PDB file of N, CA and C in Angstrom:
ATOM      1  N   MET A   1     -17.497 -11.159 -26.137  1.00  0.00           N
ATOM      2  CA  MET A   1     -17.159 -10.334 -27.274  1.00  0.00           C
ATOM      3  C   MET A   1     -18.351 -10.193 -28.208  1.00  0.00           C
ATOM      4  N   VAL A   2     -19.062 -11.291 -28.414  1.00  0.00           N
ATOM      5  CA  VAL A   2     -20.231 -11.260 -29.294  1.00  0.00           C
ATOM      6  C   VAL A   2     -21.262 -10.273 -28.761  1.00  0.00           C
ATOM      7  N   GLU A   3     -21.566 -10.363 -27.488  1.00  0.00           N
ATOM      8  CA  GLU A   3     -22.557  -9.475 -26.883  1.00  0.00           C
ATOM      9  C   GLU A   3     -22.100  -8.019 -26.938  1.00  0.00           C
ATOM     10  N   LEU A   4     -20.819  -7.774 -26.711  1.00  0.00           N
ATOM     11  CA  LEU A   4     -20.282  -6.412 -26.762  1.00  0.00           C
ATOM     12  C   LEU A   4     -20.450  -5.825 -28.165  1.00  0.00           C
ATOM     13  N   ALA A   5     -20.146  -6.605 -29.191  1.00  0.00           N
ATOM     14  CA  ALA A   5     -20.302  -6.134 -30.571  1.00  0.00           C
ATOM     15  C   ALA A   5     -21.767  -5.830 -30.877  1.00  0.00           C
ATOM     16  N   LYS A   6     -22.663  -6.682 -30.414  1.00  0.00           N
ATOM     17  CA  LYS A   6     -24.097  -6.459 -30.645  1.00  0.00           C
ATOM     18  C   LYS A   6     -24.577  -5.204 -29.931  1.00  0.00           C
ATOM     19  N   GLN A   7     -24.117  -4.987 -28.706  1.00  0.00           N
ATOM     20  CA  GLN A   7     -24.514  -3.791 -27.957  1.00  0.00           C
ATOM     21  C   GLN A   7     -23.976  -2.531 -28.616  1.00  0.00           C
ATOM     22  N   ALA A   8     -22.744  -2.589 -29.106  1.00  0.00           N
ATOM     23  CA  ALA A   8     -22.161  -1.433 -29.790  1.00  0.00           C
ATOM     24  C   ALA A   8     -22.986  -1.079 -31.031  1.00  0.00           C
ATOM     25  N   LYS A   9     -23.359  -2.074 -31.802  1.00  0.00           N
ATOM     26  CA  LYS A   9     -24.157  -1.848 -33.009  1.00  0.00           C
ATOM     27  C   LYS A   9     -25.527  -1.284 -32.641  1.00  0.00           C
ATOM     28  N   ALA A  10     -26.155  -1.841 -31.607  1.00  0.00           N
ATOM     29  CA  ALA A  10     -27.469  -1.360 -31.165  1.00  0.00           C
ATOM     30  C   ALA A  10     -27.406   0.096 -30.705  1.00  0.00           C
ATOM     31  N   ALA A  11     -26.249   0.512 -30.201  1.00  0.00           N
ATOM     32  CA  ALA A  11     -26.062   1.887 -29.743  1.00  0.00           C
ATOM     33  C   ALA A  11     -25.713   2.833 -30.894  1.00  0.00           C
ATOM     34  N   GLY A  12     -25.599   2.287 -32.114  1.00  0.00           N
ATOM     35  CA  GLY A  12     -25.339   3.122 -33.280  1.00  0.00           C
ATOM     36  C   GLY A  12     -23.913   3.116 -33.782  1.00  0.00           C
ATOM     37  N   ALA A  13     -23.063   2.292 -33.194  1.00  0.00           N
ATOM     38  CA  ALA A  13     -21.657   2.244 -33.616  1.00  0.00           C
ATOM     39  C   ALA A  13     -21.483   1.408 -34.883  1.00  0.00           C
ATOM     40  N   GLU A  14     -20.498   1.768 -35.652  1.00  0.00           N
ATOM     41  CA  GLU A  14     -20.058   0.917 -36.747  1.00  0.00           C
ATOM     42  C   GLU A  14     -19.070  -0.079 -36.135  1.00  0.00           C
ATOM     43  N   VAL A  15     -19.259  -1.342 -36.398  1.00  0.00           N
ATOM     44  CA  VAL A  15     -18.379  -2.369 -35.863  1.00  0.00           C
ATOM     45  C   VAL A  15     -17.442  -2.828 -36.973  1.00  0.00           C
ATOM     46  N   VAL A  16     -16.131  -2.777 -36.681  1.00  0.00           N
ATOM     47  CA  VAL A  16     -15.101  -3.206 -37.626  1.00  0.00           C
ATOM     48  C   VAL A  16     -14.303  -4.318 -36.968  1.00  0.00           C
ATOM     49  N   TYR A  17     -14.040  -5.368 -37.705  1.00  0.00           N
ATOM     50  CA  TYR A  17     -13.246  -6.483 -37.199  1.00  0.00           C
ATOM     51  C   TYR A  17     -11.844  -6.364 -37.791  1.00  0.00           C
ATOM     52  N   LEU A  18     -10.924  -5.910 -36.963  1.00  0.00           N
ATOM     53  CA  LEU A  18      -9.532  -5.691 -37.343  1.00  0.00           C
ATOM     54  C   LEU A  18      -8.767  -6.942 -36.938  1.00  0.00           C
ATOM     55  N   THR A  19      -8.318  -7.697 -37.923  1.00  0.00           N
ATOM     56  CA  THR A  19      -7.757  -9.010 -37.633  1.00  0.00           C
ATOM     57  C   THR A  19      -6.336  -9.172 -38.151  1.00  0.00           C
ATOM     58  N   GLY A  20      -5.619 -10.061 -37.516  1.00  0.00           N
ATOM     59  CA  GLY A  20      -4.279 -10.417 -37.960  1.00  0.00           C
ATOM     60  C   GLY A  20      -4.296 -11.470 -39.057  1.00  0.00           C
ATOM     61  N   ARG A  21      -5.475 -11.901 -39.451  1.00  0.00           N
ATOM     62  CA  ARG A  21      -5.581 -12.855 -40.557  1.00  0.00           C
ATOM     63  C   ARG A  21      -5.266 -12.141 -41.860  1.00  0.00           C
ATOM     64  N   ILE A  22      -4.738 -12.888 -42.819  1.00  0.00           N
ATOM     65  CA  ILE A  22      -4.376 -12.287 -44.098  1.00  0.00           C
ATOM     66  C   ILE A  22      -5.600 -12.176 -45.006  1.00  0.00           C
ATOM     67  N   ALA A  23      -5.495 -11.307 -45.990  1.00  0.00           N
ATOM     68  CA  ALA A  23      -6.604 -11.013 -46.889  1.00  0.00           C
ATOM     69  C   ALA A  23      -7.150 -12.266 -47.572  1.00  0.00           C
ATOM     70  N   ASP A  24      -6.302 -13.238 -47.871  1.00  0.00           N
ATOM     71  CA  ASP A  24      -6.761 -14.481 -48.505  1.00  0.00           C
ATOM     72  C   ASP A  24      -7.746 -15.247 -47.626  1.00  0.00           C
ATOM     73  N   ARG A  25      -7.780 -14.949 -46.335  1.00  0.00           N
ATOM     74  CA  ARG A  25      -8.674 -15.635 -45.386  1.00  0.00           C
ATOM     75  C   ARG A  25      -9.914 -14.802 -45.054  1.00  0.00           C
ATOM     76  N   LYS A  26     -10.104 -13.697 -45.766  1.00  0.00           N
ATOM     77  CA  LYS A  26     -11.211 -12.801 -45.440  1.00  0.00           C
ATOM     78  C   LYS A  26     -12.568 -13.491 -45.571  1.00  0.00           C
ATOM     79  N   ASP A  27     -12.802 -14.217 -46.652  1.00  0.00           N
ATOM     80  CA  ASP A  27     -14.101 -14.866 -46.837  1.00  0.00           C
ATOM     81  C   ASP A  27     -14.400 -15.841 -45.703  1.00  0.00           C
ATOM     82  N   ALA A  28     -13.407 -16.611 -45.299  1.00  0.00           N
ATOM     83  CA  ALA A  28     -13.597 -17.557 -44.191  1.00  0.00           C
ATOM     84  C   ALA A  28     -13.844 -16.805 -42.883  1.00  0.00           C
ATOM     85  N   THR A  29     -13.177 -15.679 -42.700  1.00  0.00           N
ATOM     86  CA  THR A  29     -13.365 -14.872 -41.501  1.00  0.00           C
ATOM     87  C   THR A  29     -14.780 -14.306 -41.452  1.00  0.00           C
ATOM     88  N   VAL A  30     -15.251 -13.770 -42.564  1.00  0.00           N
ATOM     89  CA  VAL A  30     -16.615 -13.231 -42.634  1.00  0.00           C
ATOM     90  C   VAL A  30     -17.625 -14.333 -42.338  1.00  0.00           C
ATOM     91  N   ALA A  31     -17.423 -15.522 -42.919  1.00  0.00           N
ATOM     92  CA  ALA A  31     -18.334 -16.644 -42.675  1.00  0.00           C
ATOM     93  C   ALA A  31     -18.377 -17.010 -41.193  1.00  0.00           C
ATOM     94  N   GLU A  32     -17.226 -16.991 -40.543  1.00  0.00           N
ATOM     95  CA  GLU A  32     -17.157 -17.305 -39.113  1.00  0.00           C
ATOM     96  C   GLU A  32     -17.893 -16.251 -38.286  1.00  0.00           C
ATOM     97  N   LEU A  33     -17.702 -14.989 -38.614  1.00  0.00           N
ATOM     98  CA  LEU A  33     -18.383 -13.908 -37.898  1.00  0.00           C
ATOM     99  C   LEU A  33     -19.895 -14.010 -38.075  1.00  0.00           C
ATOM    100  N   LYS A  34     -20.334 -14.318 -39.291  1.00  0.00           N
ATOM    101  CA  LYS A  34     -21.763 -14.471 -39.562  1.00  0.00           C
ATOM    102  C   LYS A  34     -22.343 -15.653 -38.792  1.00  0.00           C
ATOM    103  N   LYS A  35     -21.566 -16.719 -38.675  1.00  0.00           N
ATOM    104  CA  LYS A  35     -22.023 -17.902 -37.943  1.00  0.00           C
ATOM    105  C   LYS A  35     -22.362 -17.553 -36.495  1.00  0.00           C
ATOM    106  N   PHE A  36     -21.621 -16.619 -35.922  1.00  0.00           N
ATOM    107  CA  PHE A  36     -21.862 -16.190 -34.554  1.00  0.00           C
ATOM    108  C   PHE A  36     -22.892 -15.063 -34.461  1.00  0.00           C
ATOM    109  N   GLY A  37     -23.439 -14.652 -35.595  1.00  0.00           N
ATOM    110  CA  GLY A  37     -24.461 -13.620 -35.602  1.00  0.00           C
ATOM    111  C   GLY A  37     -23.944 -12.234 -35.295  1.00  0.00           C
ATOM    112  N   LEU A  38     -22.690 -11.985 -35.606  1.00  0.00           N
ATOM    113  CA  LEU A  38     -22.085 -10.686 -35.304  1.00  0.00           C
ATOM    114  C   LEU A  38     -22.544  -9.616 -36.291  1.00  0.00           C
ATOM    115  N   PRO A  39     -22.770  -8.410 -35.786  1.00  0.00           N
ATOM    116  CA  PRO A  39     -23.182  -7.314 -36.662  1.00  0.00           C
ATOM    117  C   PRO A  39     -22.026  -6.857 -37.547  1.00  0.00           C
ATOM    118  N   ASP A  40     -22.378  -6.315 -38.712  1.00  0.00           N
ATOM    119  CA  ASP A  40     -21.368  -5.791 -39.649  1.00  0.00           C
ATOM    120  C   ASP A  40     -20.299  -6.837 -39.979  1.00  0.00           C
ATOM    121  N   ALA A  41     -20.699  -8.098 -40.092  1.00  0.00           N
ATOM    122  CA  ALA A  41     -19.736  -9.188 -40.296  1.00  0.00           C
ATOM    123  C   ALA A  41     -18.889  -9.018 -41.555  1.00  0.00           C
ATOM    124  N   ASP A  42     -19.387  -8.279 -42.533  1.00  0.00           N
ATOM    125  CA  ASP A  42     -18.618  -8.048 -43.759  1.00  0.00           C
ATOM    126  C   ASP A  42     -17.577  -6.948 -43.600  1.00  0.00           C
ATOM    127  N   ASN A  43     -17.595  -6.251 -42.482  1.00  0.00           N
ATOM    128  CA  ASN A  43     -16.705  -5.115 -42.252  1.00  0.00           C
ATOM    129  C   ASN A  43     -15.419  -5.605 -41.564  1.00  0.00           C
ATOM    130  N   VAL A  44     -14.572  -6.258 -42.357  1.00  0.00           N
ATOM    131  CA  VAL A  44     -13.358  -6.890 -41.849  1.00  0.00           C
ATOM    132  C   VAL A  44     -12.134  -6.239 -42.495  1.00  0.00           C
ATOM    133  N   ALA A  45     -11.160  -5.899 -41.660  1.00  0.00           N
ATOM    134  CA  ALA A  45      -9.883  -5.376 -42.147  1.00  0.00           C
ATOM    135  C   ALA A  45      -8.812  -6.425 -41.861  1.00  0.00           C
ATOM    136  N   CYS A  46      -8.235  -6.970 -42.929  1.00  0.00           N
ATOM    137  CA  CYS A  46      -7.216  -8.020 -42.815  1.00  0.00           C
ATOM    138  C   CYS A  46      -5.849  -7.490 -43.240  1.00  0.00           C
ATOM    139  N   LYS A  47      -4.803  -8.152 -42.741  1.00  0.00           N
ATOM    140  CA  LYS A  47      -3.445  -7.855 -43.200  1.00  0.00           C
ATOM    141  C   LYS A  47      -3.359  -8.225 -44.682  1.00  0.00           C
ATOM    142  N   PRO A  48      -2.537  -7.524 -45.441  1.00  0.00           N
ATOM    143  CA  PRO A  48      -2.434  -7.854 -46.867  1.00  0.00           C
ATOM    144  C   PRO A  48      -1.793  -9.211 -47.147  1.00  0.00           C
ATOM    145  N   ASP A  49      -0.811  -9.620 -46.325  1.00  0.00           N
ATOM    146  CA  ASP A  49      -0.111 -10.876 -46.598  1.00  0.00           C
ATOM    147  C   ASP A  49       0.616 -11.366 -45.350  1.00  0.00           C
ATOM    148  N   LEU A  50       1.215 -12.548 -45.458  1.00  0.00           N
ATOM    149  CA  LEU A  50       1.919 -13.151 -44.325  1.00  0.00           C
ATOM    150  C   LEU A  50       3.134 -12.349 -43.883  1.00  0.00           C
ATOM    151  N   GLY A  51       3.707 -11.563 -44.778  1.00  0.00           N
ATOM    152  CA  GLY A  51       4.896 -10.782 -44.444  1.00  0.00           C
ATOM    153  C   GLY A  51       4.609  -9.542 -43.600  1.00  0.00           C
ATOM    154  N   THR A  52       3.344  -9.219 -43.435  1.00  0.00           N
ATOM    155  CA  THR A  52       2.958  -8.042 -42.666  1.00  0.00           C
ATOM    156  C   THR A  52       2.828  -8.420 -41.195  1.00  0.00           C
ATOM    157  N   ARG A  53       3.507  -7.692 -40.335  1.00  0.00           N
ATOM    158  CA  ARG A  53       3.446  -7.975 -38.893  1.00  0.00           C
ATOM    159  C   ARG A  53       2.129  -7.449 -38.335  1.00  0.00           C
ATOM    160  N   THR A  54       1.504  -8.252 -37.472  1.00  0.00           N
ATOM    161  CA  THR A  54       0.153  -7.967 -37.000  1.00  0.00           C
ATOM    162  C   THR A  54       0.039  -6.690 -36.188  1.00  0.00           C
ATOM    163  N   VAL A  55       0.850  -6.516 -35.156  1.00  0.00           N
ATOM    164  CA  VAL A  55       0.697  -5.357 -34.280  1.00  0.00           C
ATOM    165  C   VAL A  55       0.926  -4.043 -35.032  1.00  0.00           C
ATOM    166  N   PRO A  56       2.013  -3.891 -35.798  1.00  0.00           N
ATOM    167  CA  PRO A  56       2.165  -2.639 -36.555  1.00  0.00           C
ATOM    168  C   PRO A  56       1.023  -2.419 -37.554  1.00  0.00           C
ATOM    169  N   PHE A  57       0.545  -3.499 -38.187  1.00  0.00           N
ATOM    170  CA  PHE A  57      -0.583  -3.375 -39.115  1.00  0.00           C
ATOM    171  C   PHE A  57      -1.800  -2.791 -38.404  1.00  0.00           C
ATOM    172  N   LYS A  58      -2.128  -3.335 -37.223  1.00  0.00           N
ATOM    173  CA  LYS A  58      -3.300  -2.859 -36.487  1.00  0.00           C
ATOM    174  C   LYS A  58      -3.124  -1.411 -36.044  1.00  0.00           C
ATOM    175  N   ALA A  59      -1.952  -1.068 -35.535  1.00  0.00           N
ATOM    176  CA  ALA A  59      -1.692   0.311 -35.101  1.00  0.00           C
ATOM    177  C   ALA A  59      -1.788   1.273 -36.284  1.00  0.00           C
ATOM    178  N   GLN A  60      -1.230   0.897 -37.423  1.00  0.00           N
ATOM    179  CA  GLN A  60      -1.276   1.758 -38.609  1.00  0.00           C
ATOM    180  C   GLN A  60      -2.702   1.896 -39.127  1.00  0.00           C
ATOM    181  N   TRP A  61      -3.460   0.802 -39.089  1.00  0.00           N
ATOM    182  CA  TRP A  61      -4.854   0.850 -39.530  1.00  0.00           C
ATOM    183  C   TRP A  61      -5.653   1.806 -38.652  1.00  0.00           C
ATOM    184  N   LEU A  62      -5.473   1.703 -37.339  1.00  0.00           N
ATOM    185  CA  LEU A  62      -6.175   2.594 -36.411  1.00  0.00           C
ATOM    186  C   LEU A  62      -5.800   4.055 -36.659  1.00  0.00           C
ATOM    187  N   GLN A  63      -4.504   4.309 -36.881  1.00  0.00           N
ATOM    188  CA  GLN A  63      -4.053   5.676 -37.136  1.00  0.00           C
ATOM    189  C   GLN A  63      -4.618   6.199 -38.451  1.00  0.00           C
ATOM    190  N   GLN A  64      -4.615   5.367 -39.490  1.00  0.00           N
ATOM    191  CA  GLN A  64      -5.154   5.790 -40.786  1.00  0.00           C
ATOM    192  C   GLN A  64      -6.641   6.089 -40.676  1.00  0.00           C
ATOM    193  N   SER A  65      -7.358   5.272 -39.924  1.00  0.00           N
ATOM    194  CA  SER A  65      -8.781   5.504 -39.711  1.00  0.00           C
ATOM    195  C   SER A  65      -9.002   6.862 -39.042  1.00  0.00           C
ATOM    196  N   ARG A  66      -8.190   7.167 -38.046  1.00  0.00           N
ATOM    197  CA  ARG A  66      -8.272   8.471 -37.373  1.00  0.00           C
ATOM    198  C   ARG A  66      -7.942   9.593 -38.348  1.00  0.00           C
ATOM    199  N   ASP A  67      -6.860   9.430 -39.120  1.00  0.00           N
ATOM    200  CA  ASP A  67      -6.455  10.454 -40.081  1.00  0.00           C
ATOM    201  C   ASP A  67      -7.534  10.698 -41.140  1.00  0.00           C
ATOM    202  N   ASP A  68      -8.301   9.654 -41.462  1.00  0.00           N
ATOM    203  CA  ASP A  68      -9.379   9.757 -42.452  1.00  0.00           C
ATOM    204  C   ASP A  68     -10.668  10.325 -41.862  1.00  0.00           C
ATOM    205  N   GLY A  69     -10.621  10.723 -40.588  1.00  0.00           N
ATOM    206  CA  GLY A  69     -11.796  11.295 -39.949  1.00  0.00           C
ATOM    207  C   GLY A  69     -12.778  10.256 -39.439  1.00  0.00           C
ATOM    208  N   ARG A  70     -12.325   9.017 -39.292  1.00  0.00           N
ATOM    209  CA  ARG A  70     -13.159   7.930 -38.792  1.00  0.00           C
ATOM    210  C   ARG A  70     -12.469   7.281 -37.596  1.00  0.00           C
ATOM    211  N   PRO A  71     -12.298   8.043 -36.506  1.00  0.00           N
ATOM    212  CA  PRO A  71     -11.587   7.474 -35.354  1.00  0.00           C
ATOM    213  C   PRO A  71     -12.356   6.305 -34.739  1.00  0.00           C
ATOM    214  N   VAL A  72     -11.608   5.340 -34.264  1.00  0.00           N
ATOM    215  CA  VAL A  72     -12.177   4.168 -33.615  1.00  0.00           C
ATOM    216  C   VAL A  72     -12.358   4.500 -32.139  1.00  0.00           C
ATOM    217  N   ALA A  73     -13.572   4.309 -31.639  1.00  0.00           N
ATOM    218  CA  ALA A  73     -13.847   4.646 -30.237  1.00  0.00           C
ATOM    219  C   ALA A  73     -13.073   3.736 -29.301  1.00  0.00           C
ATOM    220  N   PHE A  74     -13.082   2.448 -29.567  1.00  0.00           N
ATOM    221  CA  PHE A  74     -12.362   1.484 -28.734  1.00  0.00           C
ATOM    222  C   PHE A  74     -11.802   0.364 -29.586  1.00  0.00           C
ATOM    223  N   PHE A  75     -10.548   0.029 -29.325  1.00  0.00           N
ATOM    224  CA  PHE A  75      -9.917  -1.158 -29.893  1.00  0.00           C
ATOM    225  C   PHE A  75     -10.069  -2.231 -28.826  1.00  0.00           C
ATOM    226  N   VAL A  76     -10.837  -3.275 -29.130  1.00  0.00           N
ATOM    227  CA  VAL A  76     -11.146  -4.315 -28.163  1.00  0.00           C
ATOM    228  C   VAL A  76     -10.499  -5.617 -28.610  1.00  0.00           C
ATOM    229  N   THR A  77      -9.766  -6.253 -27.692  1.00  0.00           N
ATOM    230  CA  THR A  77      -9.108  -7.512 -28.008  1.00  0.00           C
ATOM    231  C   THR A  77      -8.819  -8.280 -26.725  1.00  0.00           C
ATOM    232  N   GLU A  78      -8.503  -9.557 -26.896  1.00  0.00           N
ATOM    233  CA  GLU A  78      -8.082 -10.367 -25.760  1.00  0.00           C
ATOM    234  C   GLU A  78      -6.558 -10.430 -25.673  1.00  0.00           C
ATOM    235  N   SER A  79      -5.868  -9.773 -26.569  1.00  0.00           N
ATOM    236  CA  SER A  79      -4.410  -9.863 -26.664  1.00  0.00           C
ATOM    237  C   SER A  79      -3.696  -8.685 -26.007  1.00  0.00           C
ATOM    238  N   ARG A  80      -2.972  -8.974 -24.940  1.00  0.00           N
ATOM    239  CA  ARG A  80      -2.149  -7.946 -24.313  1.00  0.00           C
ATOM    240  C   ARG A  80      -1.067  -7.470 -25.281  1.00  0.00           C
ATOM    241  N   ARG A  81      -0.534  -8.363 -26.087  1.00  0.00           N
ATOM    242  CA  ARG A  81       0.516  -7.991 -27.049  1.00  0.00           C
ATOM    243  C   ARG A  81      -0.018  -6.948 -28.025  1.00  0.00           C
ATOM    244  N   ASP A  82      -1.218  -7.178 -28.557  1.00  0.00           N
ATOM    245  CA  ASP A  82      -1.793  -6.222 -29.497  1.00  0.00           C
ATOM    246  C   ASP A  82      -2.008  -4.866 -28.827  1.00  0.00           C
ATOM    247  N   ILE A  83      -2.583  -4.877 -27.630  1.00  0.00           N
ATOM    248  CA  ILE A  83      -2.842  -3.609 -26.947  1.00  0.00           C
ATOM    249  C   ILE A  83      -1.536  -2.894 -26.618  1.00  0.00           C
ATOM    250  N   ALA A  84      -0.561  -3.606 -26.080  1.00  0.00           N
ATOM    251  CA  ALA A  84       0.719  -2.976 -25.743  1.00  0.00           C
ATOM    252  C   ALA A  84       1.352  -2.349 -26.988  1.00  0.00           C
ATOM    253  N   GLY A  85       1.304  -3.064 -28.106  1.00  0.00           N
ATOM    254  CA  GLY A  85       1.878  -2.544 -29.349  1.00  0.00           C
ATOM    255  C   GLY A  85       1.118  -1.354 -29.888  1.00  0.00           C
ATOM    256  N   VAL A  86      -0.196  -1.421 -29.865  1.00  0.00           N
ATOM    257  CA  VAL A  86      -1.015  -0.312 -30.333  1.00  0.00           C
ATOM    258  C   VAL A  86      -0.794   0.912 -29.449  1.00  0.00           C
ATOM    259  N   GLN A  87      -0.719   0.706 -28.144  1.00  0.00           N
ATOM    260  CA  GLN A  87      -0.495   1.820 -27.230  1.00  0.00           C
ATOM    261  C   GLN A  87       0.892   2.434 -27.425  1.00  0.00           C
ATOM    262  N   LYS A  88       1.866   1.625 -27.768  1.00  0.00           N
ATOM    263  CA  LYS A  88       3.223   2.129 -27.988  1.00  0.00           C
ATOM    264  C   LYS A  88       3.295   2.998 -29.244  1.00  0.00           C
ATOM    265  N   LEU A  89       2.504   2.634 -30.245  1.00  0.00           N
ATOM    266  CA  LEU A  89       2.581   3.310 -31.532  1.00  0.00           C
ATOM    267  C   LEU A  89       1.564   4.431 -31.711  1.00  0.00           C
ATOM    268  N   GLY A  90       0.682   4.637 -30.739  1.00  0.00           N
ATOM    269  CA  GLY A  90      -0.301   5.706 -30.886  1.00  0.00           C
ATOM    270  C   GLY A  90      -1.213   5.818 -29.686  1.00  0.00           C
ATOM    271  N   GLU A  91      -1.995   6.876 -29.669  1.00  0.00           N
ATOM    272  CA  GLU A  91      -2.946   7.124 -28.585  1.00  0.00           C
ATOM    273  C   GLU A  91      -4.313   6.613 -29.004  1.00  0.00           C
ATOM    274  N   HIS A  92      -4.610   5.388 -28.637  1.00  0.00           N
ATOM    275  CA  HIS A  92      -5.889   4.780 -28.974  1.00  0.00           C
ATOM    276  C   HIS A  92      -6.524   4.225 -27.706  1.00  0.00           C
ATOM    277  N   GLN A  93      -7.841   4.368 -27.588  1.00  0.00           N
ATOM    278  CA  GLN A  93      -8.560   3.792 -26.471  1.00  0.00           C
ATOM    279  C   GLN A  93      -8.636   2.281 -26.671  1.00  0.00           C
ATOM    280  N   CYS A  94      -8.235   1.533 -25.678  1.00  0.00           N
ATOM    281  CA  CYS A  94      -8.216   0.078 -25.767  1.00  0.00           C
ATOM    282  C   CYS A  94      -8.994  -0.535 -24.613  1.00  0.00           C
ATOM    283  N   LEU A  95      -9.567  -1.701 -24.861  1.00  0.00           N
ATOM    284  CA  LEU A  95     -10.259  -2.479 -23.842  1.00  0.00           C
ATOM    285  C   LEU A  95      -9.740  -3.905 -23.947  1.00  0.00           C
ATOM    286  N   LEU A  96      -9.235  -4.431 -22.841  1.00  0.00           N
ATOM    287  CA  LEU A  96      -8.696  -5.792 -22.807  1.00  0.00           C
ATOM    288  C   LEU A  96      -9.750  -6.747 -22.273  1.00  0.00           C
ATOM    289  N   LEU A  97     -10.092  -7.743 -23.070  1.00  0.00           N
ATOM    290  CA  LEU A  97     -10.972  -8.826 -22.634  1.00  0.00           C
ATOM    291  C   LEU A  97     -10.059  -9.965 -22.197  1.00  0.00           C
ATOM    292  N   GLU A  98      -9.666  -9.919 -20.951  1.00  0.00           N
ATOM    293  CA  GLU A  98      -8.630 -10.822 -20.448  1.00  0.00           C
ATOM    294  C   GLU A  98      -9.149 -12.241 -20.263  1.00  0.00           C
ATOM    295  N   ASN A  99      -8.311 -13.179 -20.674  1.00  0.00           N
ATOM    296  CA  ASN A  99      -8.587 -14.601 -20.473  1.00  0.00           C
ATOM    297  C   ASN A  99      -7.254 -15.329 -20.365  1.00  0.00           C
ATOM    298  N   GLY A 100      -7.293 -16.627 -20.294  1.00  0.00           N
ATOM    299  CA  GLY A 100      -6.080 -17.415 -20.123  1.00  0.00           C
ATOM    300  C   GLY A 100      -5.096 -17.339 -21.272  1.00  0.00           C
ATOM    301  N   PHE A 101      -5.520 -16.786 -22.405  1.00  0.00           N
ATOM    302  CA  PHE A 101      -4.648 -16.695 -23.574  1.00  0.00           C
ATOM    303  C   PHE A 101      -4.216 -15.265 -23.876  1.00  0.00           C
ATOM    304  N   SER A 102      -4.442 -14.347 -22.931  1.00  0.00           N
ATOM    305  CA  SER A 102      -4.172 -12.931 -23.179  1.00  0.00           C
ATOM    306  C   SER A 102      -2.694 -12.580 -23.232  1.00  0.00           C
ATOM    307  N   GLY A 103      -1.849 -13.390 -22.624  1.00  0.00           N
ATOM    308  CA  GLY A 103      -0.426 -13.095 -22.604  1.00  0.00           C
ATOM    309  C   GLY A 103      -0.039 -12.335 -21.351  1.00  0.00           C
ATOM    310  N   THR A 104       1.215 -11.919 -21.312  1.00  0.00           N
ATOM    311  CA  THR A 104       1.746 -11.276 -20.112  1.00  0.00           C
ATOM    312  C   THR A 104       2.288  -9.870 -20.361  1.00  0.00           C
ATOM    313  N   GLU A 105       2.198  -9.379 -21.592  1.00  0.00           N
ATOM    314  CA  GLU A 105       2.725  -8.050 -21.903  1.00  0.00           C
ATOM    315  C   GLU A 105       2.029  -6.994 -21.050  1.00  0.00           C
ATOM    316  N   GLY A 106       2.801  -5.984 -20.698  1.00  0.00           N
ATOM    317  CA  GLY A 106       2.248  -4.885 -19.921  1.00  0.00           C
ATOM    318  C   GLY A 106       1.426  -3.949 -20.785  1.00  0.00           C
ATOM    319  N   VAL A 107       0.311  -3.487 -20.246  1.00  0.00           N
ATOM    320  CA  VAL A 107      -0.513  -2.485 -20.905  1.00  0.00           C
ATOM    321  C   VAL A 107      -0.581  -1.272 -19.995  1.00  0.00           C
ATOM    322  N   ARG A 108      -0.958  -0.130 -20.550  1.00  0.00           N
ATOM    323  CA  ARG A 108      -1.040   1.087 -19.730  1.00  0.00           C
ATOM    324  C   ARG A 108      -1.969   0.875 -18.550  1.00  0.00           C
ATOM    325  N   ALA A 109      -1.664   1.533 -17.468  1.00  0.00           N
ATOM    326  CA  ALA A 109      -2.454   1.400 -16.234  1.00  0.00           C
ATOM    327  C   ALA A 109      -3.888   1.866 -16.418  1.00  0.00           C
ATOM    328  N   ASP A 110      -4.145   2.750 -17.381  1.00  0.00           N
ATOM    329  CA  ASP A 110      -5.506   3.244 -17.591  1.00  0.00           C
ATOM    330  C   ASP A 110      -6.317   2.369 -18.558  1.00  0.00           C
ATOM    331  N   THR A 111      -5.789   1.219 -18.935  1.00  0.00           N
ATOM    332  CA  THR A 111      -6.492   0.318 -19.841  1.00  0.00           C
ATOM    333  C   THR A 111      -7.599  -0.423 -19.100  1.00  0.00           C
ATOM    334  N   PRO A 112      -8.859  -0.252 -19.528  1.00  0.00           N
ATOM    335  CA  PRO A 112      -9.926  -1.032 -18.901  1.00  0.00           C
ATOM    336  C   PRO A 112      -9.734  -2.520 -19.198  1.00  0.00           C
ATOM    337  N   ILE A 113      -9.906  -3.334 -18.181  1.00  0.00           N
ATOM    338  CA  ILE A 113      -9.754  -4.778 -18.320  1.00  0.00           C
ATOM    339  C   ILE A 113     -11.043  -5.440 -17.871  1.00  0.00           C
ATOM    340  N   PHE A 114     -11.561  -6.331 -18.698  1.00  0.00           N
ATOM    341  CA  PHE A 114     -12.761  -7.073 -18.352  1.00  0.00           C
ATOM    342  C   PHE A 114     -12.438  -8.553 -18.437  1.00  0.00           C
ATOM    343  N   PRO A 115     -12.750  -9.381 -17.499  1.00  0.00           N
ATOM    344  CA  PRO A 115     -13.352  -8.956 -16.240  1.00  0.00           C
ATOM    345  C   PRO A 115     -12.343  -8.175 -15.418  1.00  0.00           C
ATOM    346  N   HIS A 116     -12.851  -7.247 -14.622  1.00  0.00           N
ATOM    347  CA  HIS A 116     -11.995  -6.382 -13.825  1.00  0.00           C
ATOM    348  C   HIS A 116     -11.151  -7.194 -12.842  1.00  0.00           C
ATOM    349  N   ASP A 117      -9.889  -6.868 -12.796  1.00  0.00           N
ATOM    350  CA  ASP A 117      -8.969  -7.506 -11.864  1.00  0.00           C
ATOM    351  C   ASP A 117      -8.209  -6.383 -11.172  1.00  0.00           C
ATOM    352  N   ALA A 118      -8.154  -6.419  -9.876  1.00  0.00           N
ATOM    353  CA  ALA A 118      -7.502  -5.348  -9.121  1.00  0.00           C
ATOM    354  C   ALA A 118      -5.986  -5.460  -9.129  1.00  0.00           C
ATOM    355  N   THR A 119      -5.426  -6.473  -9.786  1.00  0.00           N
ATOM    356  CA  THR A 119      -3.975  -6.650  -9.840  1.00  0.00           C
ATOM    357  C   THR A 119      -3.367  -5.507 -10.652  1.00  0.00           C
ATOM    358  N   PRO A 120      -2.340  -4.828 -10.123  1.00  0.00           N
ATOM    359  CA  PRO A 120      -1.711  -3.728 -10.880  1.00  0.00           C
ATOM    360  C   PRO A 120      -1.106  -4.230 -12.183  1.00  0.00           C
ATOM    361  N   GLN A 121      -1.141  -3.405 -13.192  1.00  0.00           N
ATOM    362  CA  GLN A 121      -0.591  -3.762 -14.496  1.00  0.00           C
ATOM    363  C   GLN A 121       0.813  -3.256 -14.571  1.00  0.00           C
TER     364      GLN A 121
END
């Protein structure tokens, strides 16, 4: 993920970290991103509070960004739940960075998965 963010920035992309963490944790989140040397580490979008559900928040944020004329090229995450929810609530390009903690939720068949696995979704 770190290398992908760096490559995106080097290619001229704006990197935004859309997180399920609440706004009160933003400073700690920025510090963590900076520790890993991530580009645009201050560009973090957090949920307003604990009462806000993560998947709808992320889908709404992506839609608002598009409506504001700043569409997100790719929503990248390791969470199948996040991707499935975002895909259900809108047409957004998603990339799944699959690992042992990705979950089991189904994602659209056209979702790129890294590392590539030939198992049908």
